[in-house]
Amino acid sequence: MKILHTADWHLGKKLQEYSRLEEQKEVLDEIIQIAEAEKVDLILLAGDIFDSFNPSHDAIDLLYKKLKKLSNDGKRPIIAISGNHDSTQFIEAPDPLARELGIFFYSKYDSKIAIGQLDNGLEVINSEPGYMELKLPNFDFPIRIILAPYANETLLKTYLGENDREQKFRELLADKWRTLADKYCDPSGVNLFVGHFFFTKEGEPLLEEPESERPILHVGGTQALLTHNIPPQIQYAALGHLHRYHAVSKTPFPAVYSSSPLAYSFSEADQQKQVVVVELNPGLPAAYKPIGLTKGRPLFRKTFSELTTCLEWLETNPYCFVELTYETENSIDADTRKAIMKAHDGIVSLIPKIKNPQSQESLSLKAEDLEKDMVSLFKMYFKSERGQEPNDELLGIFKEVISEE
């Protein structure tokens, strides 16, 4: 059988004031086309479906319409879990209705998916909290899926009924997953894991979480999990949270982040966004391949020192978002700024960079400096960074920002 693994759609997300909804429509259509072309049998959506706990009506409408098409009107099941951006109650709310199309939403560890057969022949043959087992009409083997939506440590310990207050978070989840795998995941079926956590391989350096992502590794969040916490009976682990394609480990099974479908911050500017298609047979290693996505505006970080060169590049690259750094002797004058901003509708940031700052001094604060007013401290900071005093216009803006007469 074939599955398609995708994650981190972040529907409704903006790039500062720029809406990405039209791009999201286009890239989801591209994912639907890939599912059709690859003759995919099952979809795994590994969390962060929306970008906020209270998504807009447009984002909700987009999800339901595209999932209906992605499910091929119920012929292709979809398993969707919640991520750290999603509301657990909101994600599970449409589940009873969506299930009639073979779309299963799962967000809480104490939830249990109802057993039974749907009109399209799809059958849930086993279920308990954190686990479901499917039987597809065209396959003579079952599909077992361990479900690991995001939840912080406090919530997970409540769900899983931890007895030992000192039990490590990793051990708590690993014990839960191991119990499910030992009970259900033998070689007679396809065994999958879908989770939205920060996974790393033991002994390897911890990767940075994406700049545009709400961090998981923080106080009140969760610690990084290890790939060996996932049971060895699993054939493929479909992961969500990191926004770039990354195979965390390849043995004893692939544990893979598929990437987000669009670049959501300029730290992702050079990333190829992808989905992953996986071929699986009971008792055999998984074969998987990433497939690149092409829709949506690319993101660029560009630096220019000549206005003509800058305007030429903007004219020849109209369909993108740009973080533009402009090198200048002093500040960017009003006419230059106006010409640049008028030349392109996707300039997210215009950053001045002083070419030859005067005597560069490092900022060294003394105890008595802390008694100075905000404007004086700002002047000290600006001089240490730019080698000169801020001009009157900039000082005026700063005073306005701090509401100082």
Protein backbone atom coordinates (compact mmCIF):
# COMPACT_ATOMS: atom_id res chain seq x y z
CA MET A 1 0.00 0.00 0.00
CA LYS A 2 0.98 3.64 -0.37
CA ILE A 3 0.60 6.42 2.16
CA LEU A 4 1.19 10.16 1.77
CA HIS A 5 2.70 11.93 4.78
CA THR A 6 2.24 15.68 5.18
CA ALA A 7 2.24 18.07 8.15
CA ASP A 8 2.32 21.66 9.41
CA TRP A 9 -0.22 23.18 7.06
CA HIS A 10 -0.73 26.18 9.41
CA LEU A 11 -3.90 27.20 7.60
CA GLY A 12 -4.66 30.88 8.12
CA LYS A 13 -1.03 31.82 8.81
CA LYS A 14 0.21 35.22 7.66
CA LEU A 15 3.67 36.50 6.85
CA GLN A 16 3.44 39.66 8.94
CA GLU A 17 0.49 41.47 7.29
CA TYR A 18 0.49 39.29 4.14
CA SER A 19 -2.20 36.60 3.87
CA ARG A 20 -1.02 33.21 2.56
CA LEU A 21 -4.50 31.75 2.06
CA GLU A 22 -4.45 31.76 -1.76
CA GLU A 23 -1.03 30.11 -1.76
CA GLN A 24 -2.31 27.52 0.71
CA LYS A 25 -5.21 26.73 -1.64
CA GLU A 26 -2.77 26.23 -4.51
CA VAL A 27 -0.33 24.02 -2.62
CA LEU A 28 -3.11 21.85 -1.15
CA ASP A 29 -4.41 21.33 -4.69
CA GLU A 30 -0.88 20.27 -5.61
CA ILE A 31 -0.85 17.74 -2.74
CA ILE A 32 -4.20 16.38 -3.96
CA GLN A 33 -2.73 15.98 -7.46
CA ILE A 34 0.29 14.11 -6.05
CA ALA A 35 -2.01 11.77 -4.11
CA GLU A 36 -3.91 11.02 -7.31
CA ALA A 37 -0.83 10.60 -9.49
CA GLU A 38 0.88 8.30 -6.95
CA LYS A 39 -2.35 6.32 -6.36
CA VAL A 40 -2.06 6.84 -2.62
CA ASP A 41 -4.25 4.69 -0.36
CA LEU A 42 -4.00 6.59 2.95
CA ILE A 43 -3.09 10.13 4.12
CA LEU A 44 -1.31 10.98 7.38
CA LEU A 45 -1.53 14.65 8.46
CA ALA A 46 0.88 15.06 11.38
CA GLY A 47 -0.41 18.12 13.22
CA ASP A 48 -0.45 21.93 13.16
CA ILE A 49 -3.41 21.86 10.82
CA PHE A 50 -4.28 25.45 11.71
CA ASP A 51 -1.99 28.27 12.80
CA SER A 52 -4.04 29.30 15.82
CA PHE A 53 -6.41 27.90 18.43
CA ASN A 54 -9.21 30.01 16.92
CA PRO A 55 -8.82 29.75 13.14
CA SER A 56 -10.67 32.08 10.81
CA HIS A 57 -13.78 31.03 8.91
CA ASP A 58 -11.77 31.09 5.67
CA ALA A 59 -9.12 28.74 7.10
CA ILE A 60 -11.79 26.30 8.35
CA ASP A 61 -13.61 26.40 5.02
CA LEU A 62 -10.35 25.72 3.18
CA LEU A 63 -9.57 22.70 5.37
CA TYR A 64 -12.92 21.00 4.92
CA LYS A 65 -13.07 21.55 1.16
CA LYS A 66 -9.53 20.32 0.53
CA LEU A 67 -9.78 17.32 2.87
CA LYS A 68 -12.93 16.22 1.06
CA LYS A 69 -11.03 16.28 -2.24
CA LEU A 70 -7.94 14.69 -0.71
CA SER A 71 -10.09 11.84 0.62
CA ASN A 72 -11.40 11.24 -2.91
CA ASP A 73 -14.94 11.54 -1.51
CA GLY A 74 -14.27 8.92 1.14
CA LYS A 75 -12.28 6.39 -0.86
CA ARG A 76 -8.91 7.49 0.58
CA PRO A 77 -8.84 7.61 4.41
CA ILE A 78 -7.17 10.56 6.18
CA ILE A 79 -5.77 10.42 9.71
CA ALA A 80 -5.21 13.94 11.11
CA ILE A 81 -3.77 14.66 14.55
CA SER A 82 -3.44 17.99 16.36
CA GLY A 83 -0.19 19.91 16.83
CA ASN A 84 0.92 22.52 19.34
CA HIS A 85 -0.83 25.27 17.34
CA ASP A 86 -4.17 23.45 17.30
CA SER A 87 -7.02 23.48 19.79
CA THR A 88 -7.73 19.90 20.88
CA GLN A 89 -11.47 20.58 21.22
CA PHE A 90 -11.69 22.37 17.87
CA ILE A 91 -9.81 19.66 15.96
CA GLU A 92 -12.01 16.81 17.22
CA ALA A 93 -15.30 18.71 16.89
CA PRO A 94 -16.06 17.69 13.25
CA ASP A 95 -14.86 14.10 13.71
CA PRO A 96 -18.28 12.33 13.81
CA LEU A 97 -19.35 13.94 10.54
CA ALA A 98 -15.92 13.76 8.86
CA ARG A 99 -15.66 10.06 9.72
CA GLU A 100 -18.40 9.32 7.18
CA LEU A 101 -15.84 10.39 4.55
CA GLY A 102 -13.10 8.31 6.16
CA ILE A 103 -11.48 11.41 7.74
CA PHE A 104 -10.43 10.82 11.35
CA PHE A 105 -9.44 13.74 13.61
CA TYR A 106 -7.57 12.84 16.79
CA SER A 107 -6.30 15.29 19.41
CA LYS A 108 -6.71 13.95 22.95
CA TYR A 109 -4.98 10.95 24.49
CA ASP A 110 -8.11 9.85 26.34
CA SER A 111 -10.25 9.84 23.17
CA LYS A 112 -11.26 6.55 21.58
CA ILE A 113 -12.27 6.24 17.93
CA ALA A 114 -15.51 4.30 17.48
CA ILE A 115 -15.24 0.79 16.03
CA GLY A 116 -17.41 -0.04 13.02
CA GLN A 117 -17.72 -0.17 9.25
CA LEU A 118 -18.50 2.83 7.05
CA ASP A 119 -20.69 2.82 3.94
CA ASN A 120 -17.58 3.01 1.73
CA GLY A 121 -16.29 -0.31 3.10
CA LEU A 122 -13.62 1.19 5.38
CA GLU A 123 -13.68 -0.45 8.80
CA VAL A 124 -12.21 0.47 12.18
CA ILE A 125 -11.58 -3.00 13.60
CA ASN A 126 -9.72 -2.08 16.82
CA SER A 127 -9.41 1.06 18.87
CA GLU A 128 -8.30 2.34 22.24
CA PRO A 129 -6.89 5.68 23.44
CA GLY A 130 -3.85 6.52 21.33
CA TYR A 131 -4.44 3.74 18.81
CA MET A 132 -6.60 2.75 15.86
CA GLU A 133 -6.61 -0.20 13.46
CA LEU A 134 -8.11 0.08 9.98
CA LYS A 135 -9.16 -2.41 7.35
CA LEU A 136 -9.31 -0.97 3.83
CA PRO A 137 -11.60 -2.65 1.28
CA ASN A 138 -8.84 -3.43 -1.24
CA PHE A 139 -6.30 -4.87 1.22
CA ASP A 140 -6.23 -8.19 3.03
CA PHE A 141 -4.07 -6.92 5.89
CA PRO A 142 -4.83 -4.37 8.64
CA ILE A 143 -3.23 -0.95 9.14
CA ARG A 144 -2.26 -0.22 12.76
CA ILE A 145 -1.60 3.39 13.76
CA ILE A 146 -0.23 4.70 17.05
CA LEU A 147 -1.57 8.24 17.44
CA ALA A 148 0.60 10.84 19.22
CA PRO A 149 -0.94 14.33 18.98
CA TYR A 150 0.85 17.14 20.80
CA ALA A 151 0.14 17.72 24.48
CA ASN A 152 2.30 19.34 27.14
CA GLU A 153 3.72 17.34 30.02
CA THR A 154 1.08 18.28 32.57
CA LEU A 155 -1.80 17.38 30.26
CA LEU A 156 -0.20 14.12 29.15
CA LYS A 157 0.35 12.98 32.72
CA THR A 158 -3.32 13.69 33.39
CA TYR A 159 -4.39 11.73 30.30
CA LEU A 160 -2.09 8.78 30.92
CA GLY A 161 -2.72 8.53 34.65
CA GLU A 162 0.88 8.71 35.80
CA ASN A 163 1.39 7.05 39.19
CA ASP A 164 4.99 8.02 39.77
CA ARG A 165 5.29 11.80 39.93
CA GLU A 166 8.99 11.55 39.17
CA GLN A 167 8.58 9.36 36.12
CA LYS A 168 10.34 10.96 33.18
CA PHE A 169 8.16 12.35 30.43
CA ARG A 170 9.98 10.31 27.78
CA GLU A 171 9.48 7.10 29.76
CA LEU A 172 5.79 7.88 30.24
CA LEU A 173 5.14 8.13 26.50
CA ALA A 174 7.52 5.32 25.57
CA ASP A 175 5.75 2.96 28.00
CA LYS A 176 2.35 3.88 26.54
CA TRP A 177 3.51 3.35 22.95
CA ARG A 178 5.36 0.13 23.80
CA THR A 179 2.25 -1.31 25.46
CA LEU A 180 0.15 -0.56 22.37
CA ALA A 181 2.77 -1.95 19.96
CA ASP A 182 3.24 -5.15 21.96
CA LYS A 183 -0.53 -5.68 22.03
CA TYR A 184 -1.32 -4.94 18.37
CA CYS A 185 1.68 -4.45 16.07
CA ASP A 186 2.78 -7.84 14.79
CA PRO A 187 4.24 -8.46 11.29
CA SER A 188 0.87 -9.51 9.80
CA GLY A 189 -0.15 -5.89 9.22
CA VAL A 190 1.29 -2.47 8.39
CA ASN A 191 2.41 -0.66 11.55
CA LEU A 192 2.57 3.16 11.60
CA PHE A 193 3.25 5.96 14.05
CA VAL A 194 2.02 9.54 13.55
CA GLY A 195 3.18 12.18 16.05
CA HIS A 196 3.66 15.89 16.61
CA PHE A 197 6.64 16.29 18.91
CA PHE A 198 10.25 17.41 18.71
CA PHE A 199 12.13 14.16 18.05
CA THR A 200 15.88 13.74 17.92
CA LYS A 201 18.21 10.77 17.71
CA GLU A 202 20.10 10.02 20.91
CA GLY A 203 23.68 11.28 20.78
CA GLU A 204 23.07 13.74 17.96
CA PRO A 205 22.95 17.56 18.41
CA LEU A 206 19.53 19.07 18.93
CA LEU A 207 18.16 20.78 15.83
CA GLU A 208 16.77 24.30 16.07
CA GLU A 209 13.01 24.64 16.05
CA PRO A 210 11.71 26.71 13.13
CA GLU A 211 11.73 30.49 13.53
CA SER A 212 8.05 30.70 12.60
CA GLU A 213 7.02 27.87 14.94
CA ARG A 214 5.72 28.21 18.48
CA PRO A 215 8.52 26.38 20.34
CA ILE A 216 7.77 23.09 22.04
CA LEU A 217 10.97 23.18 24.08
CA HIS A 218 10.03 25.71 26.72
CA VAL A 219 8.88 25.87 30.32
CA GLY A 220 5.48 24.20 30.50
CA GLY A 221 5.97 22.55 27.11
CA THR A 222 7.75 19.27 26.56
CA GLN A 223 11.28 18.04 26.39
CA ALA A 224 12.67 16.59 23.16
CA LEU A 225 11.75 12.95 22.59
CA LEU A 226 14.13 10.32 21.25
CA THR A 227 13.46 8.18 18.20
CA HIS A 228 14.17 5.04 20.20
CA ASN A 229 11.13 5.95 22.36
CA ILE A 230 9.05 4.81 19.35
CA PRO A 231 8.50 1.01 19.43
CA PRO A 232 10.69 -1.07 17.06
CA GLN A 233 7.62 -2.80 15.57
CA ILE A 234 6.80 0.45 13.74
CA GLN A 235 7.66 0.49 10.02
CA TYR A 236 7.36 4.25 9.44
CA ALA A 237 7.02 7.22 11.81
CA ALA A 238 5.28 10.24 10.24
CA LEU A 239 6.35 13.30 12.23
CA GLY A 240 5.21 16.91 12.37
CA HIS A 241 6.61 20.11 13.93
CA LEU A 242 9.88 20.86 12.11
CA HIS A 243 9.19 22.82 8.93
CA ARG A 244 11.95 21.33 6.80
CA TYR A 245 12.18 17.82 5.38
CA HIS A 246 14.35 15.77 7.70
CA ALA A 247 14.85 12.04 8.27
CA VAL A 248 15.68 11.99 11.99
CA SER A 249 16.64 8.33 11.80
CA LYS A 250 16.48 5.57 9.19
CA THR A 251 16.93 2.47 11.34
CA PRO A 252 15.26 0.37 12.64
CA PHE A 253 12.58 2.34 10.73
CA PRO A 254 12.40 5.75 9.04
CA ALA A 255 11.31 8.59 11.38
CA VAL A 256 10.69 11.53 9.05
CA TYR A 257 9.56 15.15 9.15
CA SER A 258 7.79 15.83 5.85
CA SER A 259 8.16 19.67 6.07
CA SER A 260 5.50 22.36 5.90
CA PRO A 261 3.93 22.91 2.44
CA LEU A 262 5.01 26.58 2.32
CA ALA A 263 7.93 28.58 3.70
CA TYR A 264 6.47 30.44 6.66
CA SER A 265 9.50 32.51 7.71
CA PHE A 266 12.67 33.80 6.07
CA SER A 267 14.69 31.22 8.01
CA GLU A 268 13.00 28.71 5.65
CA ALA A 269 13.89 30.67 2.51
CA ASP A 270 16.26 28.06 1.07
CA GLN A 271 14.18 24.98 1.91
CA GLN A 272 12.54 22.70 -0.64
CA LYS A 273 9.06 21.99 0.70
CA GLN A 274 7.87 18.41 0.25
CA VAL A 275 5.45 15.62 1.01
CA VAL A 276 6.58 12.04 1.55
CA VAL A 277 5.14 9.01 -0.26
CA VAL A 278 5.73 5.71 1.52
CA GLU A 279 5.33 2.17 0.16
CA LEU A 280 4.57 -0.47 2.79
CA ASN A 281 4.01 -4.21 3.04
CA PRO A 282 3.48 -6.20 6.23
CA GLY A 283 6.72 -7.37 7.82
CA LEU A 284 9.00 -5.54 5.33
CA PRO A 285 11.03 -2.30 5.57
CA ALA A 286 9.31 0.83 4.30
CA ALA A 287 10.41 2.47 1.05
CA TYR A 288 9.87 6.23 1.03
CA LYS A 289 10.55 9.20 -1.22
CA PRO A 290 10.10 12.95 -0.78
CA ILE A 291 8.24 14.75 -3.56
CA GLY A 292 8.91 18.47 -3.97
CA LEU A 293 6.14 21.07 -3.87
CA THR A 294 6.27 24.01 -6.27
CA LYS A 295 3.30 26.23 -5.43
CA GLY A 296 3.37 29.39 -3.36
CA ARG A 297 5.58 32.44 -3.33
CA PRO A 298 9.26 31.72 -2.65
CA LEU A 299 10.96 33.71 0.10
CA PHE A 300 14.24 35.56 -0.49
CA ARG A 301 16.74 37.40 1.66
CA LYS A 302 18.49 39.92 -0.61
CA THR A 303 21.08 42.64 -0.06
CA PHE A 304 21.66 45.58 -2.42
CA SER A 305 23.85 48.67 -2.37
CA GLU A 306 22.74 50.24 -5.67
CA LEU A 307 19.18 51.37 -6.29
CA THR A 308 19.25 50.49 -10.00
CA THR A 309 20.38 46.92 -9.33
CA CYS A 310 17.79 46.57 -6.59
CA LEU A 311 14.92 47.76 -8.79
CA GLU A 312 16.01 45.51 -11.69
CA TRP A 313 15.98 42.44 -9.44
CA LEU A 314 12.57 43.33 -8.00
CA GLU A 315 11.17 43.80 -11.51
CA THR A 316 12.41 40.40 -12.70
CA ASN A 317 11.19 38.58 -9.55
CA PRO A 318 7.63 39.80 -9.04
CA TYR A 319 6.14 36.63 -7.46
CA CYS A 320 7.96 36.29 -4.14
CA PHE A 321 8.31 37.73 -0.66
CA VAL A 322 11.51 39.62 0.12
CA GLU A 323 13.44 40.54 3.22
CA LEU A 324 15.51 43.31 1.65
CA THR A 325 18.66 44.77 3.19
CA TYR A 326 19.82 48.03 1.62
CA GLU A 327 23.40 49.20 2.20
CA THR A 328 23.70 52.94 2.61
CA GLU A 329 26.13 55.53 3.97
CA ASN A 330 23.62 56.86 6.47
CA SER A 331 19.92 55.98 6.52
CA ILE A 332 17.63 55.12 3.61
CA ASP A 333 16.30 58.44 2.33
CA ALA A 334 12.60 58.88 1.70
CA ASP A 335 12.85 58.87 -2.13
CA THR A 336 14.88 55.64 -2.18
CA ARG A 337 12.51 53.95 0.25
CA LYS A 338 9.50 55.05 -1.81
CA ALA A 339 11.05 53.76 -5.07
CA ILE A 340 11.85 50.38 -3.56
CA MET A 341 8.46 49.87 -1.92
CA LYS A 342 6.62 50.96 -5.08
CA ALA A 343 8.57 48.49 -7.24
CA HIS A 344 7.28 45.32 -5.54
CA ASP A 345 4.21 44.20 -3.60
CA GLY A 346 6.00 41.53 -1.58
CA ILE A 347 8.63 43.44 0.40
CA VAL A 348 8.05 42.24 3.95
CA SER A 349 11.01 44.07 5.52
CA LEU A 350 13.30 46.85 4.32
CA ILE A 351 16.39 46.91 6.52
CA PRO A 352 19.05 49.65 6.36
CA LYS A 353 22.70 48.59 6.71
CA ILE A 354 25.25 51.33 7.31
CA LYS A 355 28.25 50.80 5.00
CA ASN A 356 30.96 52.71 6.83
CA PRO A 357 29.92 53.39 10.40
CA GLN A 358 32.04 55.94 12.20
CA SER A 359 34.16 54.87 15.12
CA GLN A 360 32.57 51.56 16.09
CA GLU A 361 32.27 51.39 19.85
CA SER A 362 31.03 48.42 21.81
CA LEU A 363 28.27 49.16 24.27
CA SER A 364 29.54 48.92 27.80
CA LEU A 365 27.06 49.83 30.51
CA LYS A 366 28.07 51.03 33.95
CA ALA A 367 25.87 50.98 37.02
CA GLU A 368 25.26 54.72 36.80
CA ASP A 369 24.07 54.34 33.18
CA LEU A 370 20.98 52.53 34.43
CA GLU A 371 19.78 55.80 35.94
CA LYS A 372 19.71 57.49 32.53
CA ASP A 373 16.50 58.15 30.64
CA MET A 374 15.34 55.96 27.74
CA VAL A 375 16.36 58.42 25.03
CA SER A 376 19.93 58.64 26.34
CA LEU A 377 20.18 54.85 26.52
CA PHE A 378 18.85 54.58 22.97
CA LYS A 379 21.49 57.04 21.74
CA MET A 380 24.21 54.96 23.42
CA TYR A 381 22.86 51.75 21.86
CA PHE A 382 22.51 53.27 18.38
CA LYS A 383 26.05 54.65 18.47
CA SER A 384 27.45 51.29 19.53
CA GLU A 385 25.61 49.55 16.65
CA ARG A 386 25.95 52.14 13.87
CA GLY A 387 28.94 54.22 14.92
CA GLN A 388 27.00 57.49 14.93
CA GLU A 389 24.26 59.33 16.77
CA PRO A 390 20.67 58.76 15.56
CA ASN A 391 19.29 61.65 13.49
CA ASP A 392 16.42 63.85 14.63
CA GLU A 393 13.84 61.96 12.54
CA LEU A 394 14.77 58.62 14.10
CA LEU A 395 14.83 60.13 17.59
CA GLY A 396 11.36 61.53 16.97
CA ILE A 397 10.07 58.09 15.97
CA PHE A 398 11.69 56.52 19.04
CA LYS A 399 10.07 59.08 21.34
CA GLU A 400 6.73 58.40 19.69
CA VAL A 401 7.14 54.66 20.23
CA ILE A 402 7.82 55.12 23.96
CA SER A 403 5.11 57.79 24.16
CA GLU A 404 7.50 60.42 25.46
CA GLU A 405 6.73 64.10 24.94
